[in-house]
Amino acid sequence: MFDRSQFPDGFLWGAATSAYQIEGGAQGGAGRNHWDDFAATPGNVEGAENGDVACDHIGRMDEDLDLLKDLGLDIYRFSTSWARVLPEGTGTPNREGLDFYDRLVDGLLERGLKPAWTLYHWELPSVLADRGGWRNRDIGDWFAEYADLMASRIGDRVWSAAPINEPWCVAWLSHFEGVHAPGLRDIRAAARAMHHVLYAHGRAVEVLRGANVSNVGAVCNFEYSNPASDSEADRRAARTYDAIYNRFFTGGLFHGAYPEEVLEGLEPHLPHGWQDDMPLIGQPLDWLGVNYYTRKNIAAAPGPWPALAPVDGSLPKTQVGWEIYPEGLRHFLNQVARDAPGLPIYVTENGLAAEAPHQDDQRISYLTDHIEQARKAMAEDGVPLAGYITWSLLDNYEWSLGYGPRFGLVHVDYDTLERRPKASYHALRSALKRSA
């Protein structure tokens, strides 16, 4: 695949997971979250599957941390579950949940791994969803309370912290497209969630700074928007898609403004006084994380804003139908380097879903090609790239797609929960051991 000598001294390598996808949400005193409710609704999730057991990481944590260490990584990017530590969303903490995350962080440090903590990877306590969730501005206060609780417990030992994973998924995919919990298709709900997710990010950054948590950043997901044709209508549609998916969140974080292509559709639905939150949203960060997987081919479509639709493309595809376009990673690394000059950048997610657990050539090729694009962005374009974190350590619960897609470097037998490293695990392990 590569060897370490192709990257600068101090360049960091890691793997990522998230709490609901691996832990086992029905264990350890966790409260109910809106993914439990979404999965219990017929038709929302393939096979009506949920995260009650997932990979049973809560019972097999030491085995999983040993897999990370044996892989030769520097970083483990994980999330804490809001509903696990605050079953009612606010108020009395669940001591069993807090103790679990204490053990997790300590276990990483004992193995020489840097704990990269994400506060929110899509698990909103159901009681807060009942109060409007991301549509309600009060979520800034609720999230700040959660951030304060966790900072007081593990903030002194984590290597990095990011408030919210992939704000586009939290807001747009979940409130406009209805694909993720809470499964809404409502432009007013989407507009408010889009803004409130950044507002809550800002509140959490304040809390983390106040608690002396170091190395605070943000993680955004990016998808390359490719016009389906050279027509002006398709190019305009692709610009609108790019603005919604990519530039809205970096606009708030780094420019104090949202793109005009998005305001055209969302401004009438944004909360009153949203402009006043921009200084809070745009507080200085220590790093930015880029999650990248694929490109989307976009065509103009009839109907109201955003008046666009994805169309099938010609590139090779993954198990979940995502086109494989490694050049898009280099594109976005350069784009965010321009948005925030000098800010250290990490690839915080990048990986492929493939069915065969032991014939892993496609995943190895995918990782190799994307890592090479990351190297070129750094070596040839001058991007301040500081690390690469792949998704995912384990096969896991892939949200509305259930347990079918397999992104893991390690195969999980969902009947026995046995872990078996795949060829991609061994290839990455060998690459990380090579120094020349």
Protein backbone atom coordinates (compact mmCIF):
# COMPACT_ATOMS: atom_id res chain seq x y z
CA MET A 1 0.00 0.00 0.00
CA PHE A 2 2.64 2.55 1.13
CA ASP A 3 5.26 2.92 3.82
CA ARG A 4 5.68 5.44 6.60
CA SER A 5 8.74 7.02 5.03
CA GLN A 6 6.48 8.54 2.33
CA PHE A 7 4.93 10.71 5.03
CA PRO A 8 6.54 13.22 7.39
CA ASP A 9 7.72 12.34 10.86
CA GLY A 10 4.80 12.77 13.22
CA PHE A 11 2.14 11.97 10.63
CA LEU A 12 -0.55 10.02 12.49
CA TRP A 13 -2.54 6.96 11.45
CA GLY A 14 -5.81 5.82 12.94
CA ALA A 15 -9.11 4.00 12.69
CA ALA A 16 -12.59 5.13 13.68
CA THR A 17 -15.86 3.76 15.04
CA SER A 18 -18.95 5.24 16.67
CA ALA A 19 -20.79 4.31 19.84
CA TYR A 20 -24.21 3.19 18.58
CA GLN A 21 -22.71 1.29 15.68
CA ILE A 22 -20.58 -1.02 17.85
CA GLU A 23 -21.29 -0.78 21.58
CA GLY A 24 -24.65 -2.44 22.16
CA GLY A 25 -27.16 0.24 23.07
CA ALA A 26 -29.44 -2.00 25.15
CA GLN A 27 -26.67 -2.68 27.67
CA GLY A 28 -25.05 -0.76 30.50
CA GLY A 29 -27.95 1.43 31.57
CA ALA A 30 -28.12 3.50 28.39
CA GLY A 31 -31.30 5.46 27.78
CA ARG A 32 -33.37 5.21 24.64
CA ASN A 33 -32.25 7.31 21.67
CA HIS A 34 -33.96 8.37 18.48
CA TRP A 35 -32.20 5.65 16.47
CA ASP A 36 -33.93 3.05 18.64
CA ASP A 37 -37.23 4.69 17.74
CA PHE A 38 -36.38 5.13 14.05
CA ALA A 39 -35.32 1.47 13.75
CA ALA A 40 -38.52 0.32 15.46
CA THR A 41 -40.60 2.02 12.75
CA PRO A 42 -41.34 -0.42 9.88
CA GLY A 43 -39.54 0.35 6.64
CA ASN A 44 -36.89 2.66 8.04
CA VAL A 45 -34.00 0.19 8.40
CA GLU A 46 -33.07 -2.80 6.25
CA GLY A 47 -34.17 -5.95 8.04
CA ALA A 48 -35.67 -3.86 10.86
CA GLU A 49 -32.25 -4.14 12.52
CA ASN A 50 -31.10 -2.01 15.45
CA GLY A 51 -28.10 -1.30 17.66
CA ASP A 52 -29.24 -3.20 20.75
CA VAL A 53 -26.27 -5.60 20.52
CA ALA A 54 -24.30 -4.31 17.52
CA CYS A 55 -20.73 -5.65 17.95
CA ASP A 56 -21.01 -5.88 21.76
CA HIS A 57 -18.03 -3.56 22.08
CA ILE A 58 -19.16 -2.74 25.60
CA GLY A 59 -18.44 -6.37 26.55
CA ARG A 60 -15.45 -6.92 24.25
CA MET A 61 -13.64 -3.62 24.58
CA ASP A 62 -10.24 -5.04 25.51
CA GLU A 63 -10.24 -7.38 22.51
CA ASP A 64 -11.04 -4.47 20.20
CA LEU A 65 -8.39 -2.21 21.71
CA ASP A 66 -5.84 -4.98 21.26
CA LEU A 67 -6.78 -5.14 17.57
CA LEU A 68 -6.04 -1.43 17.31
CA LYS A 69 -2.69 -1.78 19.02
CA ASP A 70 -1.69 -4.79 16.94
CA LEU A 71 -2.54 -2.87 13.79
CA GLY A 72 0.17 -0.36 14.66
CA LEU A 73 -2.05 2.71 14.76
CA ASP A 74 -1.46 6.00 16.57
CA ILE A 75 -5.07 7.21 16.98
CA TYR A 76 -8.43 5.70 17.82
CA ARG A 77 -11.35 7.95 16.93
CA PHE A 78 -14.42 7.01 18.98
CA SER A 79 -17.63 8.64 20.12
CA THR A 80 -19.40 8.75 23.44
CA SER A 81 -23.13 8.10 23.58
CA TRP A 82 -25.21 10.95 24.95
CA ALA A 83 -28.02 8.53 25.91
CA ARG A 84 -25.59 6.18 27.65
CA VAL A 85 -24.30 8.80 30.07
CA LEU A 86 -27.47 10.93 30.35
CA PRO A 87 -30.42 8.57 29.84
CA GLU A 88 -32.88 11.46 30.17
CA GLY A 89 -30.76 13.78 28.03
CA THR A 90 -30.08 16.08 30.98
CA GLY A 91 -30.00 15.69 34.74
CA THR A 92 -28.76 12.59 36.56
CA PRO A 93 -25.85 10.78 34.87
CA ASN A 94 -25.59 7.02 34.45
CA ARG A 95 -22.52 6.07 36.47
CA GLU A 96 -22.13 2.76 34.60
CA GLY A 97 -21.88 4.63 31.30
CA LEU A 98 -19.34 7.11 32.63
CA ASP A 99 -17.26 4.28 34.07
CA PHE A 100 -17.23 2.54 30.70
CA TYR A 101 -15.76 5.58 28.95
CA ASP A 102 -13.20 5.97 31.75
CA ARG A 103 -12.06 2.41 31.08
CA LEU A 104 -12.04 3.00 27.33
CA VAL A 105 -9.80 6.06 27.52
CA ASP A 106 -7.51 4.45 30.07
CA GLY A 107 -7.29 1.31 27.93
CA LEU A 108 -6.24 3.35 24.91
CA LEU A 109 -3.57 5.20 26.85
CA GLU A 110 -2.23 1.96 28.31
CA ARG A 111 -1.77 0.69 24.75
CA GLY A 112 -0.04 3.85 23.58
CA LEU A 113 -3.00 5.06 21.49
CA LYS A 114 -4.23 8.64 21.28
CA PRO A 115 -7.95 8.93 22.21
CA ALA A 116 -9.71 11.11 19.59
CA TRP A 117 -13.10 11.83 21.10
CA THR A 118 -16.32 12.82 19.31
CA LEU A 119 -19.17 13.94 21.55
CA TYR A 120 -22.05 13.28 19.13
CA HIS A 121 -22.26 10.65 16.44
CA TRP A 122 -26.02 10.81 15.83
CA GLU A 123 -27.45 9.41 19.10
CA LEU A 124 -29.97 11.93 20.41
CA PRO A 125 -31.74 10.84 23.60
CA SER A 126 -35.40 10.15 22.81
CA VAL A 127 -36.63 12.47 25.55
CA LEU A 128 -34.86 15.36 23.82
CA ALA A 129 -36.21 14.31 20.44
CA ASP A 130 -39.66 14.57 22.06
CA ARG A 131 -38.84 18.22 22.84
CA GLY A 132 -38.00 19.03 19.23
CA GLY A 133 -34.43 17.77 19.06
CA TRP A 134 -32.28 19.66 16.59
CA ARG A 135 -35.24 21.88 15.63
CA ASN A 136 -35.25 23.39 19.12
CA ARG A 137 -32.66 26.06 19.95
CA ASP A 138 -32.56 24.75 23.51
CA ILE A 139 -30.46 21.89 22.18
CA GLY A 140 -27.50 24.24 22.57
CA ASP A 141 -28.03 24.21 26.34
CA TRP A 142 -28.67 20.46 26.47
CA PHE A 143 -25.56 19.74 24.44
CA ALA A 144 -23.46 22.09 26.55
CA GLU A 145 -24.53 20.20 29.69
CA TYR A 146 -23.55 16.90 28.08
CA ALA A 147 -20.22 18.34 26.93
CA ASP A 148 -19.50 19.65 30.43
CA LEU A 149 -20.27 16.28 32.02
CA MET A 150 -17.99 14.37 29.66
CA ALA A 151 -15.22 16.97 29.77
CA SER A 152 -15.14 16.68 33.55
CA ARG A 153 -14.84 12.91 33.26
CA ILE A 154 -12.45 12.22 30.35
CA GLY A 155 -11.40 15.65 29.07
CA ASP A 156 -8.09 15.59 30.90
CA ARG A 157 -6.93 12.43 29.08
CA VAL A 158 -8.22 12.66 25.51
CA TRP A 159 -5.84 13.68 22.72
CA SER A 160 -8.50 15.57 20.76
CA ALA A 161 -12.17 16.48 20.91
CA ALA A 162 -14.78 17.26 18.25
CA PRO A 163 -18.34 18.19 19.18
CA ILE A 164 -20.36 16.77 16.27
CA ASN A 165 -19.65 14.21 13.57
CA GLU A 166 -20.86 15.09 10.05
CA PRO A 167 -23.33 17.95 10.58
CA TRP A 168 -24.81 17.41 7.10
CA CYS A 169 -26.03 13.97 8.17
CA VAL A 170 -27.35 15.26 11.49
CA ALA A 171 -29.32 18.03 9.81
CA TRP A 172 -30.03 17.55 6.10
CA LEU A 173 -30.04 13.78 5.63
CA SER A 174 -32.18 13.40 8.75
CA HIS A 175 -34.59 16.34 8.46
CA PHE A 176 -34.90 17.01 4.71
CA GLU A 177 -34.25 13.66 3.05
CA GLY A 178 -35.64 11.60 5.93
CA VAL A 179 -33.05 8.83 5.53
CA HIS A 180 -31.70 9.00 9.09
CA ALA A 181 -33.37 9.53 12.44
CA PRO A 182 -35.65 11.34 13.13
CA GLY A 183 -36.72 10.65 9.54
CA LEU A 184 -38.31 14.00 8.70
CA ARG A 185 -38.89 15.49 5.26
CA ASP A 186 -39.55 19.10 6.15
CA ILE A 187 -37.70 22.15 4.86
CA ARG A 188 -38.36 24.23 7.98
CA ALA A 189 -37.10 21.44 10.24
CA ALA A 190 -34.03 21.03 8.02
CA ALA A 191 -33.22 24.75 8.03
CA ARG A 192 -33.39 24.95 11.80
CA ALA A 193 -31.40 21.76 12.28
CA MET A 194 -28.72 23.01 9.83
CA HIS A 195 -28.23 26.13 11.93
CA HIS A 196 -28.71 24.60 15.37
CA VAL A 197 -26.14 21.89 14.77
CA LEU A 198 -23.54 24.63 14.27
CA TYR A 199 -24.91 26.63 17.19
CA ALA A 200 -24.58 23.56 19.43
CA HIS A 201 -21.06 23.03 18.10
CA GLY A 202 -20.20 26.55 19.21
CA ARG A 203 -21.70 26.05 22.66
CA ALA A 204 -19.72 22.84 23.09
CA VAL A 205 -16.47 24.48 22.00
CA GLU A 206 -17.03 27.12 24.69
CA VAL A 207 -17.54 24.44 27.32
CA LEU A 208 -14.55 22.37 26.22
CA ARG A 209 -12.26 25.40 26.23
CA GLY A 210 -13.56 26.35 29.67
CA ALA A 211 -12.79 22.86 30.93
CA ASN A 212 -9.23 23.10 29.54
CA VAL A 213 -9.78 20.31 27.02
CA SER A 214 -6.98 20.62 24.49
CA ASN A 215 -6.91 20.11 20.71
CA VAL A 216 -10.53 20.97 19.91
CA GLY A 217 -11.65 20.66 16.30
CA ALA A 218 -14.59 19.94 14.01
CA VAL A 219 -15.41 17.03 11.69
CA CYS A 220 -17.34 17.70 8.49
CA ASN A 221 -18.25 15.28 5.72
CA PHE A 222 -17.70 16.18 2.08
CA GLU A 223 -19.06 14.74 -1.14
CA TYR A 224 -17.80 15.74 -4.57
CA SER A 225 -20.63 17.29 -6.58
CA ASN A 226 -20.26 16.45 -10.27
CA PRO A 227 -22.59 18.00 -12.89
CA ALA A 228 -24.39 15.25 -14.81
CA SER A 229 -23.78 17.19 -18.04
CA ASP A 230 -22.25 20.42 -19.28
CA SER A 231 -25.60 22.17 -19.38
CA GLU A 232 -25.91 25.35 -17.35
CA ALA A 233 -28.90 23.86 -15.52
CA ASP A 234 -26.91 20.84 -14.35
CA ARG A 235 -23.91 22.95 -13.40
CA ARG A 236 -26.15 25.20 -11.33
CA ALA A 237 -27.75 22.18 -9.66
CA ALA A 238 -24.32 20.78 -8.83
CA ARG A 239 -23.27 24.11 -7.29
CA THR A 240 -26.40 24.09 -5.15
CA TYR A 241 -25.72 20.54 -3.99
CA ASP A 242 -22.11 21.46 -3.20
CA ALA A 243 -23.32 24.47 -1.21
CA ILE A 244 -25.78 22.40 0.85
CA TYR A 245 -23.47 19.48 1.47
CA ASN A 246 -20.03 21.07 1.72
CA ARG A 247 -19.93 24.86 1.86
CA PHE A 248 -22.78 25.54 4.30
CA PHE A 249 -20.89 24.14 7.27
CA THR A 250 -17.44 25.43 6.39
CA GLY A 251 -19.09 28.76 5.65
CA GLY A 252 -20.41 28.93 9.19
CA LEU A 253 -17.21 27.67 10.79
CA PHE A 254 -14.71 29.79 8.86
CA HIS A 255 -16.45 32.60 6.98
CA GLY A 256 -19.28 33.73 9.25
CA ALA A 257 -21.78 33.33 6.42
CA TYR A 258 -23.85 30.73 4.64
CA PRO A 259 -23.69 30.28 0.83
CA GLU A 260 -26.22 32.24 -1.21
CA GLU A 261 -27.27 29.07 -3.03
CA VAL A 262 -28.49 27.68 0.32
CA LEU A 263 -30.03 30.89 1.62
CA GLU A 264 -32.12 30.99 -1.54
CA GLY A 265 -34.09 28.04 -0.21
CA LEU A 266 -33.54 28.03 3.55
CA GLU A 267 -33.40 31.66 4.66
CA PRO A 268 -37.18 32.02 5.12
CA HIS A 269 -37.09 29.03 7.47
CA LEU A 270 -33.99 29.81 9.52
CA PRO A 271 -34.55 30.79 13.17
CA HIS A 272 -34.94 34.48 13.95
CA GLY A 273 -31.62 36.17 14.68
CA TRP A 274 -29.50 33.33 13.28
CA GLN A 275 -26.88 35.83 12.08
CA ASP A 276 -26.11 36.77 15.69
CA ASP A 277 -24.78 33.25 16.35
CA MET A 278 -21.99 33.48 13.80
CA PRO A 279 -19.25 34.65 16.23
CA LEU A 280 -20.06 31.70 18.51
CA ILE A 281 -20.08 29.25 15.60
CA GLY A 282 -16.83 30.60 14.18
CA GLN A 283 -14.65 30.32 17.29
CA PRO A 284 -11.05 29.37 16.48
CA LEU A 285 -10.36 25.65 16.16
CA ASP A 286 -7.17 23.64 16.58
CA TRP A 287 -7.81 21.33 13.61
CA LEU A 288 -10.39 20.28 11.03
CA GLY A 289 -11.42 16.74 10.14
CA VAL A 290 -12.41 15.74 6.61
CA ASN A 291 -14.68 12.73 6.10
CA TYR A 292 -14.75 11.70 2.44
CA TYR A 293 -16.09 8.66 0.59
CA THR A 294 -17.56 9.38 -2.82
CA ARG A 295 -18.85 11.72 -5.50
CA LYS A 296 -22.45 12.32 -6.59
CA ASN A 297 -23.60 13.10 -10.14
CA ILE A 298 -26.19 15.88 -9.96
CA ALA A 299 -28.77 16.93 -12.54
CA ALA A 300 -31.37 19.68 -12.56
CA ALA A 301 -34.86 18.49 -11.69
CA PRO A 302 -38.32 20.05 -11.82
CA GLY A 303 -39.94 21.30 -8.67
CA PRO A 304 -39.15 23.71 -5.84
CA TRP A 305 -35.70 24.49 -4.47
CA PRO A 306 -33.21 22.81 -4.48
CA ALA A 307 -34.50 21.49 -7.85
CA LEU A 308 -31.90 18.77 -8.27
CA ALA A 309 -31.58 15.00 -8.31
CA PRO A 310 -28.72 12.47 -8.24
CA VAL A 311 -28.23 10.35 -11.34
CA ASP A 312 -26.25 7.18 -11.89
CA GLY A 313 -22.58 7.56 -12.83
CA SER A 314 -20.07 5.49 -14.75
CA LEU A 315 -17.31 4.97 -12.16
CA PRO A 316 -16.80 1.70 -10.23
CA LYS A 317 -19.02 1.47 -7.18
CA THR A 318 -18.85 0.12 -3.65
CA GLN A 319 -21.23 -2.37 -2.03
CA VAL A 320 -23.58 0.51 -1.18
CA GLY A 321 -23.49 1.98 -4.70
CA TRP A 322 -21.11 4.86 -3.98
CA GLU A 323 -18.85 5.83 -6.86
CA ILE A 324 -15.13 5.47 -6.19
CA TYR A 325 -13.44 8.81 -6.93
CA PRO A 326 -10.17 9.19 -5.00
CA GLU A 327 -9.39 12.54 -6.64
CA GLY A 328 -12.25 14.05 -4.70
CA LEU A 329 -10.30 13.66 -1.47
CA ARG A 330 -7.43 15.75 -2.80
CA HIS A 331 -9.93 18.34 -4.04
CA PHE A 332 -11.47 18.78 -0.59
CA LEU A 333 -8.18 18.77 1.28
CA ASN A 334 -7.14 21.70 -0.89
CA GLN A 335 -10.51 23.41 -0.47
CA VAL A 336 -10.50 23.29 3.33
CA ALA A 337 -6.85 24.38 3.37
CA ARG A 338 -7.99 27.53 1.55
CA ASP A 339 -10.96 27.97 3.89
CA ALA A 340 -8.78 27.85 7.00
CA PRO A 341 -5.19 28.67 6.05
CA GLY A 342 -2.59 27.00 8.23
CA LEU A 343 -5.08 24.94 10.24
CA PRO A 344 -3.95 21.32 10.67
CA ILE A 345 -6.18 18.94 8.71
CA TYR A 346 -6.89 15.27 9.32
CA VAL A 347 -8.69 12.77 7.14
CA THR A 348 -11.02 11.57 9.89
CA GLU A 349 -13.03 9.04 7.86
CA ASN A 350 -12.37 7.26 4.57
CA GLY A 351 -13.24 3.68 3.68
CA LEU A 352 -15.19 1.25 1.55
CA ALA A 353 -18.08 -1.14 2.00
CA ALA A 354 -17.43 -4.54 0.40
CA GLU A 355 -19.25 -7.81 0.86
CA ALA A 356 -16.54 -10.48 0.82
CA PRO A 357 -14.84 -10.76 4.22
CA HIS A 358 -11.71 -12.56 3.01
CA GLN A 359 -11.35 -11.36 -0.59
CA ASP A 360 -10.53 -7.81 0.32
CA ASP A 361 -8.73 -6.55 -2.78
CA GLN A 362 -11.24 -3.77 -3.49
CA ARG A 363 -10.85 -2.25 -0.03
CA ILE A 364 -7.06 -2.45 -0.25
CA SER A 365 -7.14 -0.69 -3.62
CA TYR A 366 -9.59 1.93 -2.34
CA LEU A 367 -7.45 2.76 0.69
CA THR A 368 -4.24 2.75 -1.34
CA ASP A 369 -5.64 5.13 -3.95
CA HIS A 370 -7.12 7.55 -1.41
CA ILE A 371 -4.00 7.56 0.74
CA GLU A 372 -1.98 8.40 -2.37
CA GLN A 373 -4.29 11.35 -3.11
CA ALA A 374 -3.84 12.52 0.47
CA ARG A 375 -0.06 12.23 0.10
CA LYS A 376 -0.13 14.28 -3.11
CA ALA A 377 -2.26 16.97 -1.47
CA MET A 378 0.36 17.27 1.24
CA ALA A 379 3.56 16.82 -0.79
CA GLU A 380 2.61 18.57 -4.04
CA ASP A 381 -0.07 21.07 -2.99
CA GLY A 382 1.24 22.06 0.44
CA VAL A 383 -1.88 21.04 2.36
CA PRO A 384 -1.11 20.90 6.12
CA LEU A 385 -2.32 17.31 6.43
CA ALA A 386 -1.38 15.80 9.78
CA GLY A 387 -3.00 12.37 9.79
CA TYR A 388 -5.25 9.79 8.15
CA ILE A 389 -7.98 7.83 9.97
CA THR A 390 -9.85 5.08 8.17
CA TRP A 391 -13.44 3.97 8.59
CA SER A 392 -13.82 1.51 10.17
CA LEU A 393 -12.04 -0.79 12.57
CA LEU A 394 -15.00 -3.20 12.72
CA ASP A 395 -17.90 -4.20 10.54
CA ASN A 396 -20.84 -2.57 12.28
CA TYR A 397 -24.40 -1.26 12.23
CA GLU A 398 -24.67 0.96 9.17
CA TRP A 399 -27.71 2.95 10.21
CA SER A 400 -30.64 2.69 7.79
CA LEU A 401 -28.73 0.02 5.83
CA GLY A 402 -28.59 -2.30 8.84
CA TYR A 403 -25.80 -4.87 9.10
CA GLY A 404 -25.42 -5.55 5.37
CA PRO A 405 -22.63 -3.14 4.38
CA ARG A 406 -19.22 -4.12 5.72
CA PHE A 407 -16.77 -1.22 6.12
CA GLY A 408 -14.51 -2.94 8.64
CA LEU A 409 -10.87 -3.87 8.52
CA VAL A 410 -12.03 -6.62 10.90
CA HIS A 411 -14.86 -9.00 10.00
CA VAL A 412 -17.53 -9.43 12.68
CA ASP A 413 -19.69 -12.55 12.69
CA TYR A 414 -22.96 -11.09 13.94
CA ASP A 415 -24.15 -14.49 15.22
CA THR A 416 -21.09 -15.32 17.33
CA LEU A 417 -19.54 -11.81 17.48
CA GLU A 418 -16.16 -13.35 16.61
CA ARG A 419 -13.64 -10.85 15.20
CA ARG A 420 -11.45 -11.90 12.25
CA PRO A 421 -8.99 -9.42 10.72
CA LYS A 422 -9.38 -9.14 6.95
CA ALA A 423 -6.71 -8.90 4.28
CA SER A 424 -7.01 -5.09 4.43
CA TYR A 425 -6.17 -5.17 8.14
CA HIS A 426 -3.03 -7.17 7.44
CA ALA A 427 -2.09 -4.99 4.44
CA LEU A 428 -2.43 -1.80 6.48
CA ARG A 429 -0.52 -3.36 9.38
CA SER A 430 2.34 -4.29 7.06
CA ALA A 431 2.35 -0.84 5.48
CA LEU A 432 2.56 0.88 8.84
CA LYS A 433 5.49 -1.29 9.86
CA ARG A 434 7.45 -0.42 6.71
CA SER A 435 9.77 2.52 7.15
CA ALA A 436 11.70 2.42 3.89
